[in-house]
């Protein structure tokens, strides 16, 4: 018995045939990689490629795990701290000098530093890298209030950042939190008392720079394979 088409479905069939003819006409004029469907699929592929690559968590720097807050099998989400990494080859010292001691200090002045770990037999060479914007007590949880009638003067201390020579750190490694004694040579006062250069990141990484280009190359390779060349 021959198949019969329902009159109610004829408009749907005509619309589908019109869409097919339009798609064929559009496909004959556009390259495959410029087709809207292919462009959308390529964008979805690149996003999935980047997400897959970032499931492998890579440390941005070489260092030692100082504190771990995650355990095996634990589920984590974006923005959750997993662990802290300490670069033992790029440590610095935060020396708390009395307010009267920093009068002649300048950025770039040489510093001799001795640690309680190795004693006076090991002297680290360093340079003044910068000064804190205020005393240690000014940024504490409960800043001191001198307006309460306290007539006893409390000597304030200002944190001074000292960069250590990496060669000295390689020869005699240090740990975070050790006690150090710093002696600043203030004879040369040609440097600046305030940092005149814009701050630069202490650590930067380029480990994700190639992911986008790799995703683009992989998507282009898939399109070429499906074109047959």
C-alpha atoms as a PDB file:
ATOM      1  CA  UNK A   1       0.000   0.000   0.000  1.00  0.00           C
ATOM      2  CA  UNK A   2       1.648   3.258  -1.029  1.00  0.00           C
ATOM      3  CA  UNK A   3       2.561   5.741   1.740  1.00  0.00           C
ATOM      4  CA  UNK A   4       0.380   8.783   2.020  1.00  0.00           C
ATOM      5  CA  UNK A   5       1.396  12.142   3.401  1.00  0.00           C
ATOM      6  CA  UNK A   6      -0.924  13.812   5.818  1.00  0.00           C
ATOM      7  CA  UNK A   7      -2.054  17.253   4.643  1.00  0.00           C
ATOM      8  CA  UNK A   8      -1.372  18.617   8.134  1.00  0.00           C
ATOM      9  CA  UNK A   9       2.330  17.756   7.883  1.00  0.00           C
ATOM     10  CA  UNK A  10       2.924  19.208   4.451  1.00  0.00           C
ATOM     11  CA  UNK A  11       3.759  22.711   5.796  1.00  0.00           C
ATOM     12  CA  UNK A  12       6.338  21.194   8.175  1.00  0.00           C
ATOM     13  CA  UNK A  13       7.876  19.225   5.327  1.00  0.00           C
ATOM     14  CA  UNK A  14       8.032  22.293   3.139  1.00  0.00           C
ATOM     15  CA  UNK A  15       9.706  24.306   5.919  1.00  0.00           C
ATOM     16  CA  UNK A  16      12.268  21.556   6.516  1.00  0.00           C
ATOM     17  CA  UNK A  17      13.060  21.349   2.799  1.00  0.00           C
ATOM     18  CA  UNK A  18      13.476  25.121   2.682  1.00  0.00           C
ATOM     19  CA  UNK A  19      15.889  25.011   5.622  1.00  0.00           C
ATOM     20  CA  UNK A  20      17.830  22.223   3.912  1.00  0.00           C
ATOM     21  CA  UNK A  21      18.141  24.197   0.697  1.00  0.00           C
ATOM     22  CA  UNK A  22      19.228  27.291   2.638  1.00  0.00           C
ATOM     23  CA  UNK A  23      21.858  25.292   4.512  1.00  0.00           C
ATOM     24  CA  UNK A  24      23.161  23.812   1.240  1.00  0.00           C
ATOM     25  CA  UNK A  25      23.322  27.227  -0.365  1.00  0.00           C
ATOM     26  CA  UNK A  26      25.116  28.691   2.640  1.00  0.00           C
ATOM     27  CA  UNK A  27      27.484  25.744   2.843  1.00  0.00           C
ATOM     28  CA  UNK A  28      28.439  26.038  -0.806  1.00  0.00           C
ATOM     29  CA  UNK A  29      29.531  29.651  -0.301  1.00  0.00           C
ATOM     30  CA  UNK A  30      31.285  29.460   3.095  1.00  0.00           C
ATOM     31  CA  UNK A  31      34.426  27.489   3.957  1.00  0.00           C
ATOM     32  CA  UNK A  32      33.895  24.743   6.481  1.00  0.00           C
ATOM     33  CA  UNK A  33      35.865  26.503   9.222  1.00  0.00           C
ATOM     34  CA  UNK A  34      33.669  29.618   8.827  1.00  0.00           C
ATOM     35  CA  UNK A  35      30.374  27.788   9.119  1.00  0.00           C
ATOM     36  CA  UNK A  36      28.372  29.031  12.139  1.00  0.00           C
ATOM     37  CA  UNK A  37      27.913  25.510  13.451  1.00  0.00           C
ATOM     38  CA  UNK A  38      31.625  24.744  13.106  1.00  0.00           C
ATOM     39  CA  UNK A  39      32.616  28.044  14.728  1.00  0.00           C
ATOM     40  CA  UNK A  40      30.325  27.327  17.679  1.00  0.00           C
ATOM     41  CA  UNK A  41      31.627  23.770  18.032  1.00  0.00           C
ATOM     42  CA  UNK A  42      35.226  25.003  17.880  1.00  0.00           C
ATOM     43  CA  UNK A  43      34.554  27.539  20.649  1.00  0.00           C
ATOM     44  CA  UNK A  44      33.029  24.824  22.836  1.00  0.00           C
ATOM     45  CA  UNK A  45      36.016  22.571  22.136  1.00  0.00           C
ATOM     46  CA  UNK A  46      38.528  25.272  23.086  1.00  0.00           C
ATOM     47  CA  UNK A  47      36.701  25.923  26.351  1.00  0.00           C
ATOM     48  CA  UNK A  48      36.615  22.203  27.177  1.00  0.00           C
ATOM     49  CA  UNK A  49      40.313  21.908  26.263  1.00  0.00           C
ATOM     50  CA  UNK A  50      41.295  24.698  28.649  1.00  0.00           C
ATOM     51  CA  UNK A  51      39.136  23.290  31.441  1.00  0.00           C
ATOM     52  CA  UNK A  52      40.700  19.854  30.981  1.00  0.00           C
ATOM     53  CA  UNK A  53      44.237  21.227  31.079  1.00  0.00           C
ATOM     54  CA  UNK A  54      43.511  23.127  34.270  1.00  0.00           C
ATOM     55  CA  UNK A  55      42.345  20.007  36.070  1.00  0.00           C
ATOM     56  CA  UNK A  56      46.060  19.327  36.519  1.00  0.00           C
ATOM     57  CA  UNK A  57      47.199  21.809  39.167  1.00  0.00           C
ATOM     58  CA  UNK A  58      50.792  22.915  38.653  1.00  0.00           C
ATOM     59  CA  UNK A  59      52.782  25.027  41.096  1.00  0.00           C
ATOM     60  CA  UNK A  60      53.694  28.402  39.566  1.00  0.00           C
ATOM     61  CA  UNK A  61      57.105  28.403  41.288  1.00  0.00           C
ATOM     62  CA  UNK A  62      59.677  25.966  42.619  1.00  0.00           C
ATOM     63  CA  UNK A  63      59.630  25.694  46.374  1.00  0.00           C
ATOM     64  CA  UNK A  64      58.777  23.701  49.475  1.00  0.00           C
ATOM     65  CA  UNK A  65      55.309  23.057  50.865  1.00  0.00           C
ATOM     66  CA  UNK A  66      55.071  25.143  54.017  1.00  0.00           C
ATOM     67  CA  UNK A  67      51.478  24.513  55.060  1.00  0.00           C
ATOM     68  CA  UNK A  68      48.906  22.093  53.649  1.00  0.00           C
ATOM     69  CA  UNK A  69      45.183  22.485  54.236  1.00  0.00           C
ATOM     70  CA  UNK A  70      43.875  19.751  51.905  1.00  0.00           C
ATOM     71  CA  UNK A  71      43.814  15.975  52.244  1.00  0.00           C
ATOM     72  CA  UNK A  72      43.707  13.124  49.723  1.00  0.00           C
ATOM     73  CA  UNK A  73      40.181  12.579  48.418  1.00  0.00           C
ATOM     74  CA  UNK A  74      38.878  15.911  49.635  1.00  0.00           C
ATOM     75  CA  UNK A  75      36.653  17.860  47.246  1.00  0.00           C
ATOM     76  CA  UNK A  76      37.748  21.425  46.607  1.00  0.00           C
ATOM     77  CA  UNK A  77      36.309  24.338  44.689  1.00  0.00           C
ATOM     78  CA  UNK A  78      37.637  27.414  42.903  1.00  0.00           C
ATOM     79  CA  UNK A  79      39.363  29.887  45.188  1.00  0.00           C
ATOM     80  CA  UNK A  80      39.937  27.415  48.032  1.00  0.00           C
ATOM     81  CA  UNK A  81      43.556  27.539  49.333  1.00  0.00           C
ATOM     82  CA  UNK A  82      45.138  24.084  49.120  1.00  0.00           C
ATOM     83  CA  UNK A  83      48.668  24.700  50.361  1.00  0.00           C
ATOM     84  CA  UNK A  84      51.334  27.348  50.649  1.00  0.00           C
ATOM     85  CA  UNK A  85      54.631  27.120  48.771  1.00  0.00           C
ATOM     86  CA  UNK A  86      57.739  28.815  50.134  1.00  0.00           C
ATOM     87  CA  UNK A  87      60.543  29.790  47.762  1.00  0.00           C
ATOM     88  CA  UNK A  88      63.526  29.136  49.988  1.00  0.00           C
ATOM     89  CA  UNK A  89      65.840  30.539  47.311  1.00  0.00           C
ATOM     90  CA  UNK A  90      64.057  33.925  47.307  1.00  0.00           C
ATOM     91  CA  UNK A  91      63.546  34.745  50.959  1.00  0.00           C
ATOM     92  CA  UNK A  92      63.665  38.263  52.333  1.00  0.00           C
ATOM     93  CA  UNK A  93      64.025  39.738  55.807  1.00  0.00           C
ATOM     94  CA  UNK A  94      61.613  42.063  57.554  1.00  0.00           C
ATOM     95  CA  UNK A  95      63.721  43.850  60.163  1.00  0.00           C
ATOM     96  CA  UNK A  96      61.934  45.971  62.769  1.00  0.00           C
ATOM     97  CA  UNK A  97      64.132  49.018  63.405  1.00  0.00           C
ATOM     98  CA  UNK A  98      63.414  51.709  65.967  1.00  0.00           C
ATOM     99  CA  UNK A  99      61.990  54.917  64.556  1.00  0.00           C
ATOM    100  CA  UNK A 100      65.192  56.803  65.346  1.00  0.00           C
ATOM    101  CA  UNK A 101      67.352  54.222  63.551  1.00  0.00           C
ATOM    102  CA  UNK A 102      65.837  54.677  60.092  1.00  0.00           C
ATOM    103  CA  UNK A 103      66.629  58.409  59.844  1.00  0.00           C
ATOM    104  CA  UNK A 104      69.631  57.855  57.580  1.00  0.00           C
ATOM    105  CA  UNK A 105      68.479  54.643  55.914  1.00  0.00           C
ATOM    106  CA  UNK A 106      68.045  54.676  52.134  1.00  0.00           C
ATOM    107  CA  UNK A 107      66.919  52.137  49.570  1.00  0.00           C
ATOM    108  CA  UNK A 108      69.873  50.213  48.168  1.00  0.00           C
ATOM    109  CA  UNK A 109      72.157  50.528  51.190  1.00  0.00           C
ATOM    110  CA  UNK A 110      74.164  47.370  51.955  1.00  0.00           C
ATOM    111  CA  UNK A 111      73.186  45.232  54.915  1.00  0.00           C
ATOM    112  CA  UNK A 112      75.020  42.515  56.836  1.00  0.00           C
ATOM    113  CA  UNK A 113      72.680  39.922  58.300  1.00  0.00           C
ATOM    114  CA  UNK A 114      73.462  37.213  60.850  1.00  0.00           C
ATOM    115  CA  UNK A 115      71.083  34.403  61.774  1.00  0.00           C
ATOM    116  CA  UNK A 116      70.772  32.589  65.064  1.00  0.00           C
ATOM    117  CA  UNK A 117      70.737  29.350  63.070  1.00  0.00           C
ATOM    118  CA  UNK A 118      74.355  29.605  61.865  1.00  0.00           C
ATOM    119  CA  UNK A 119      75.710  32.205  64.269  1.00  0.00           C
ATOM    120  CA  UNK A 120      78.197  34.963  63.535  1.00  0.00           C
ATOM    121  CA  UNK A 121      80.362  32.718  61.354  1.00  0.00           C
ATOM    122  CA  UNK A 122      77.904  33.114  58.451  1.00  0.00           C
ATOM    123  CA  UNK A 123      77.159  36.672  57.286  1.00  0.00           C
ATOM    124  CA  UNK A 124      74.494  37.186  54.634  1.00  0.00           C
ATOM    125  CA  UNK A 125      74.855  40.076  52.224  1.00  0.00           C
ATOM    126  CA  UNK A 126      71.741  42.071  51.517  1.00  0.00           C
ATOM    127  CA  UNK A 127      70.347  45.442  50.518  1.00  0.00           C
ATOM    128  CA  UNK A 128      67.548  47.632  51.779  1.00  0.00           C
ATOM    129  CA  UNK A 129      64.618  47.050  49.439  1.00  0.00           C
ATOM    130  CA  UNK A 130      61.881  49.165  50.998  1.00  0.00           C
ATOM    131  CA  UNK A 131      60.166  50.520  54.073  1.00  0.00           C
ATOM    132  CA  UNK A 132      56.736  49.886  55.498  1.00  0.00           C
ATOM    133  CA  UNK A 133      54.182  52.681  55.227  1.00  0.00           C
ATOM    134  CA  UNK A 134      53.744  52.718  59.004  1.00  0.00           C
ATOM    135  CA  UNK A 135      54.900  51.242  62.264  1.00  0.00           C
ATOM    136  CA  UNK A 136      54.061  47.705  63.236  1.00  0.00           C
ATOM    137  CA  UNK A 137      51.521  48.791  65.828  1.00  0.00           C
ATOM    138  CA  UNK A 138      49.715  51.116  63.386  1.00  0.00           C
ATOM    139  CA  UNK A 139      48.427  48.160  61.371  1.00  0.00           C
ATOM    140  CA  UNK A 140      47.824  45.790  64.273  1.00  0.00           C
ATOM    141  CA  UNK A 141      44.402  44.449  65.178  1.00  0.00           C
ATOM    142  CA  UNK A 142      44.182  46.882  68.112  1.00  0.00           C
ATOM    143  CA  UNK A 143      46.280  49.988  67.344  1.00  0.00           C
ATOM    144  CA  UNK A 144      47.727  51.799  70.325  1.00  0.00           C
ATOM    145  CA  UNK A 145      45.826  54.901  71.476  1.00  0.00           C
ATOM    146  CA  UNK A 146      48.110  57.604  72.864  1.00  0.00           C
ATOM    147  CA  UNK A 147      45.181  59.938  73.595  1.00  0.00           C
ATOM    148  CA  UNK A 148      44.189  57.916  76.659  1.00  0.00           C
ATOM    149  CA  UNK A 149      46.524  59.880  78.971  1.00  0.00           C
ATOM    150  CA  UNK A 150      49.507  57.518  78.761  1.00  0.00           C
ATOM    151  CA  UNK A 151      52.573  59.726  79.343  1.00  0.00           C
ATOM    152  CA  UNK A 152      55.058  56.876  78.961  1.00  0.00           C
ATOM    153  CA  UNK A 153      56.604  57.023  75.515  1.00  0.00           C
ATOM    154  CA  UNK A 154      56.635  53.709  73.689  1.00  0.00           C
ATOM    155  CA  UNK A 155      59.366  53.469  71.067  1.00  0.00           C
ATOM    156  CA  UNK A 156      57.810  52.450  67.767  1.00  0.00           C
ATOM    157  CA  UNK A 157      59.429  50.152  65.233  1.00  0.00           C
ATOM    158  CA  UNK A 158      59.208  50.364  61.445  1.00  0.00           C
ATOM    159  CA  UNK A 159      59.471  47.195  59.316  1.00  0.00           C
ATOM    160  CA  UNK A 160      62.303  47.407  56.773  1.00  0.00           C
ATOM    161  CA  UNK A 161      62.424  44.888  53.922  1.00  0.00           C
ATOM    162  CA  UNK A 162      65.906  43.535  53.173  1.00  0.00           C
ATOM    163  CA  UNK A 163      66.675  41.457  50.083  1.00  0.00           C
ATOM    164  CA  UNK A 164      69.299  38.729  50.558  1.00  0.00           C
ATOM    165  CA  UNK A 165      71.854  37.658  47.992  1.00  0.00           C
ATOM    166  CA  UNK A 166      70.572  34.392  46.398  1.00  0.00           C
ATOM    167  CA  UNK A 167      74.106  32.975  46.403  1.00  0.00           C
ATOM    168  CA  UNK A 168      74.281  33.258  50.178  1.00  0.00           C
ATOM    169  CA  UNK A 169      70.889  31.566  50.492  1.00  0.00           C
ATOM    170  CA  UNK A 170      72.054  28.719  48.269  1.00  0.00           C
ATOM    171  CA  UNK A 171      75.180  28.223  50.371  1.00  0.00           C
ATOM    172  CA  UNK A 172      73.391  28.465  53.723  1.00  0.00           C
ATOM    173  CA  UNK A 173      69.619  27.886  53.381  1.00  0.00           C
ATOM    174  CA  UNK A 174      67.256  29.602  55.788  1.00  0.00           C
ATOM    175  CA  UNK A 175      63.714  28.892  56.965  1.00  0.00           C
ATOM    176  CA  UNK A 176      60.723  31.167  57.374  1.00  0.00           C
ATOM    177  CA  UNK A 177      60.382  32.735  60.823  1.00  0.00           C
ATOM    178  CA  UNK A 178      64.009  32.507  61.971  1.00  0.00           C
ATOM    179  CA  UNK A 179      65.542  35.222  64.149  1.00  0.00           C
ATOM    180  CA  UNK A 180      67.986  37.493  62.307  1.00  0.00           C
ATOM    181  CA  UNK A 181      70.169  40.471  63.258  1.00  0.00           C
ATOM    182  CA  UNK A 182      70.654  43.124  60.582  1.00  0.00           C
ATOM    183  CA  UNK A 183      73.290  45.871  60.435  1.00  0.00           C
ATOM    184  CA  UNK A 184      72.738  48.576  57.802  1.00  0.00           C
ATOM    185  CA  UNK A 185      75.649  50.597  56.396  1.00  0.00           C
ATOM    186  CA  UNK A 186      74.176  54.123  56.225  1.00  0.00           C
ATOM    187  CA  UNK A 187      77.311  55.967  55.061  1.00  0.00           C
ATOM    188  CA  UNK A 188      76.087  56.249  51.469  1.00  0.00           C
ATOM    189  CA  UNK A 189      72.841  58.239  51.571  1.00  0.00           C
ATOM    190  CA  UNK A 190      72.408  58.895  47.850  1.00  0.00           C
ATOM    191  CA  UNK A 191      69.436  56.549  47.587  1.00  0.00           C
ATOM    192  CA  UNK A 192      65.773  57.342  48.102  1.00  0.00           C
ATOM    193  CA  UNK A 193      64.047  57.251  51.448  1.00  0.00           C
ATOM    194  CA  UNK A 194      60.851  56.265  49.611  1.00  0.00           C
ATOM    195  CA  UNK A 195      60.544  53.877  46.704  1.00  0.00           C
ATOM    196  CA  UNK A 196      60.216  55.988  43.548  1.00  0.00           C
ATOM    197  CA  UNK A 197      59.596  53.049  41.180  1.00  0.00           C
ATOM    198  CA  UNK A 198      56.188  51.398  40.709  1.00  0.00           C
ATOM    199  CA  UNK A 199      55.862  48.081  42.530  1.00  0.00           C
ATOM    200  CA  UNK A 200      56.448  44.943  40.504  1.00  0.00           C
ATOM    201  CA  UNK A 201      55.122  41.473  41.320  1.00  0.00           C
ATOM    202  CA  UNK A 202      57.582  39.476  43.380  1.00  0.00           C
ATOM    203  CA  UNK A 203      56.586  36.293  41.568  1.00  0.00           C
ATOM    204  CA  UNK A 204      55.053  35.805  38.127  1.00  0.00           C
ATOM    205  CA  UNK A 205      54.314  32.734  36.053  1.00  0.00           C
ATOM    206  CA  UNK A 206      53.616  31.979  32.394  1.00  0.00           C
ATOM    207  CA  UNK A 207      52.449  28.389  32.827  1.00  0.00           C
ATOM    208  CA  UNK A 208      48.985  29.110  31.340  1.00  0.00           C
ATOM    209  CA  UNK A 209      50.171  31.284  28.447  1.00  0.00           C
ATOM    210  CA  UNK A 210      50.321  28.448  25.910  1.00  0.00           C
ATOM    211  CA  UNK A 211      46.991  26.803  26.745  1.00  0.00           C
ATOM    212  CA  UNK A 212      44.878  29.090  24.525  1.00  0.00           C
ATOM    213  CA  UNK A 213      47.168  28.680  21.501  1.00  0.00           C
ATOM    214  CA  UNK A 214      47.318  24.906  22.014  1.00  0.00           C
ATOM    215  CA  UNK A 215      43.502  24.752  22.129  1.00  0.00           C
ATOM    216  CA  UNK A 216      43.271  26.770  18.908  1.00  0.00           C
ATOM    217  CA  UNK A 217      45.780  24.487  17.176  1.00  0.00           C
ATOM    218  CA  UNK A 218      43.947  21.338  18.317  1.00  0.00           C
ATOM    219  CA  UNK A 219      40.599  22.676  17.071  1.00  0.00           C
ATOM    220  CA  UNK A 220      42.116  23.593  13.696  1.00  0.00           C
ATOM    221  CA  UNK A 221      43.623  20.106  13.378  1.00  0.00           C
ATOM    222  CA  UNK A 222      40.233  18.467  13.987  1.00  0.00           C
ATOM    223  CA  UNK A 223      38.614  20.652  11.312  1.00  0.00           C
ATOM    224  CA  UNK A 224      41.331  19.767   8.788  1.00  0.00           C
ATOM    225  CA  UNK A 225      40.951  16.049   9.483  1.00  0.00           C
ATOM    226  CA  UNK A 226      37.205  16.211   8.868  1.00  0.00           C
ATOM    227  CA  UNK A 227      37.785  18.104   5.628  1.00  0.00           C
ATOM    228  CA  UNK A 228      39.883  15.242   4.410  1.00  0.00           C
ATOM    229  CA  UNK A 229      43.150  17.162   4.224  1.00  0.00           C
END
